[in-house]
Amino acid sequence: MSLFDVLIRPIVTEQSTLLQERGKYVFQVQKSANKADVKAAVEKVFEVTVLDVNTMVIKGKSKRFGPRPVSRPNWKKAVVTLQAGDTIQLFEGA
């Protein structure tokens, strides 16, 4: 797996925006990626220094489509803590 394939997308929610003020950024990552993969990918892609990586697997929700129940897939989330002074520009003009 390439380092550029590890990160799927940034998670932009109200809570993740508040975490950005403390130097923490949230990403959806590949389920097979470990903490070392996530750290290497963020450092390579955004050219920052990563201090800590916390990962968690989010269980998929159960939904109903007409008469049959289905479940959404599980996915993995990573919270990356950066060194003081480093930032990631997620949006243009932000």
Protein backbone atom coordinates (compact mmCIF):
# COMPACT_ATOMS: atom_id res chain seq x y z
CA MET A 1 0.00 0.00 0.00
CA SER A 2 1.37 3.40 -0.99
CA LEU A 3 1.59 6.19 1.57
CA PHE A 4 -0.73 8.27 -0.59
CA ASP A 5 -3.39 5.54 -0.41
CA VAL A 6 -3.49 5.51 3.41
CA LEU A 7 -5.38 8.79 3.84
CA ILE A 8 -8.88 8.70 2.33
CA ARG A 9 -10.30 12.09 3.33
CA PRO A 10 -10.23 14.62 6.15
CA ILE A 11 -13.15 14.49 8.57
CA VAL A 12 -14.68 17.96 8.86
CA THR A 13 -17.21 18.21 11.67
CA GLU A 14 -17.87 20.67 14.44
CA GLN A 15 -15.86 18.59 16.90
CA SER A 16 -12.92 18.07 14.53
CA THR A 17 -12.80 21.81 13.85
CA LEU A 18 -12.46 22.45 17.57
CA LEU A 19 -9.66 19.87 17.73
CA GLN A 20 -7.78 21.74 15.00
CA GLU A 21 -7.30 24.66 17.39
CA ARG A 22 -5.33 22.27 19.66
CA GLY A 23 -3.19 20.97 16.79
CA LYS A 24 -5.16 17.75 16.21
CA TYR A 25 -6.50 16.73 12.81
CA VAL A 26 -8.96 13.93 11.98
CA PHE A 27 -8.76 11.73 8.87
CA GLN A 28 -10.57 8.71 7.50
CA VAL A 29 -7.90 6.12 6.74
CA GLN A 30 -7.70 2.65 5.20
CA LYS A 31 -8.86 -0.10 7.56
CA SER A 32 -5.61 -1.98 7.05
CA ALA A 33 -3.42 1.05 7.97
CA ASN A 34 -1.63 1.07 11.32
CA LYS A 35 -0.42 4.05 13.33
CA ALA A 36 3.04 4.02 11.75
CA ASP A 37 1.50 4.10 8.25
CA VAL A 38 -0.74 7.03 9.18
CA LYS A 39 2.15 8.96 10.73
CA ALA A 40 4.38 8.43 7.69
CA ALA A 41 1.60 9.40 5.28
CA VAL A 42 0.69 12.64 7.08
CA GLU A 43 4.34 13.66 7.41
CA LYS A 44 5.00 12.94 3.73
CA VAL A 45 1.85 14.50 2.27
CA PHE A 46 1.59 17.64 4.44
CA GLU A 47 5.29 18.06 5.37
CA VAL A 48 4.64 18.39 9.13
CA THR A 49 5.96 16.66 12.26
CA VAL A 50 3.53 14.18 13.85
CA LEU A 51 3.79 13.63 17.61
CA ASP A 52 0.96 11.15 18.19
CA VAL A 53 -1.62 9.10 16.28
CA ASN A 54 -4.81 7.68 17.80
CA THR A 55 -6.88 5.29 15.67
CA MET A 56 -10.34 3.83 16.11
CA VAL A 57 -12.67 1.63 14.08
CA ILE A 58 -16.15 3.11 13.73
CA LYS A 59 -18.86 0.48 13.47
CA GLY A 60 -21.27 0.83 10.54
CA LYS A 61 -24.85 1.84 11.31
CA SER A 62 -27.83 -0.38 10.58
CA LYS A 63 -30.25 1.07 8.03
CA ARG A 64 -33.44 -0.05 6.34
CA PHE A 65 -34.05 0.04 2.62
CA GLY A 66 -37.69 -0.87 2.28
CA PRO A 67 -38.37 -4.24 3.86
CA ARG A 68 -34.76 -5.36 4.25
CA PRO A 69 -32.24 -4.17 6.83
CA VAL A 70 -28.69 -3.49 5.69
CA SER A 71 -25.64 -2.20 7.48
CA ARG A 72 -23.12 0.39 6.42
CA PRO A 73 -19.48 -0.68 6.30
CA ASN A 74 -17.11 -0.21 9.22
CA TRP A 75 -14.42 2.44 8.74
CA LYS A 76 -11.28 3.63 10.47
CA LYS A 77 -10.63 7.10 11.85
CA ALA A 78 -7.28 8.57 12.90
CA VAL A 79 -6.69 11.61 15.13
CA VAL A 80 -3.24 13.03 14.41
CA THR A 81 -1.48 15.37 16.87
CA LEU A 82 1.06 17.72 15.32
CA GLN A 83 4.09 19.43 16.79
CA ALA A 84 3.42 22.94 18.15
CA GLY A 85 3.60 25.47 15.33
CA ASP A 86 2.74 23.00 12.55
CA THR A 87 -0.62 23.31 10.79
CA ILE A 88 -2.38 21.61 7.89
CA GLN A 89 -4.21 23.83 5.41
CA LEU A 90 -7.35 21.75 4.73
CA PHE A 91 -9.34 24.43 2.92
CA GLU A 92 -8.32 27.21 0.63
CA GLY A 93 -8.63 30.57 2.35
CA ALA A 94 -8.93 29.01 5.82
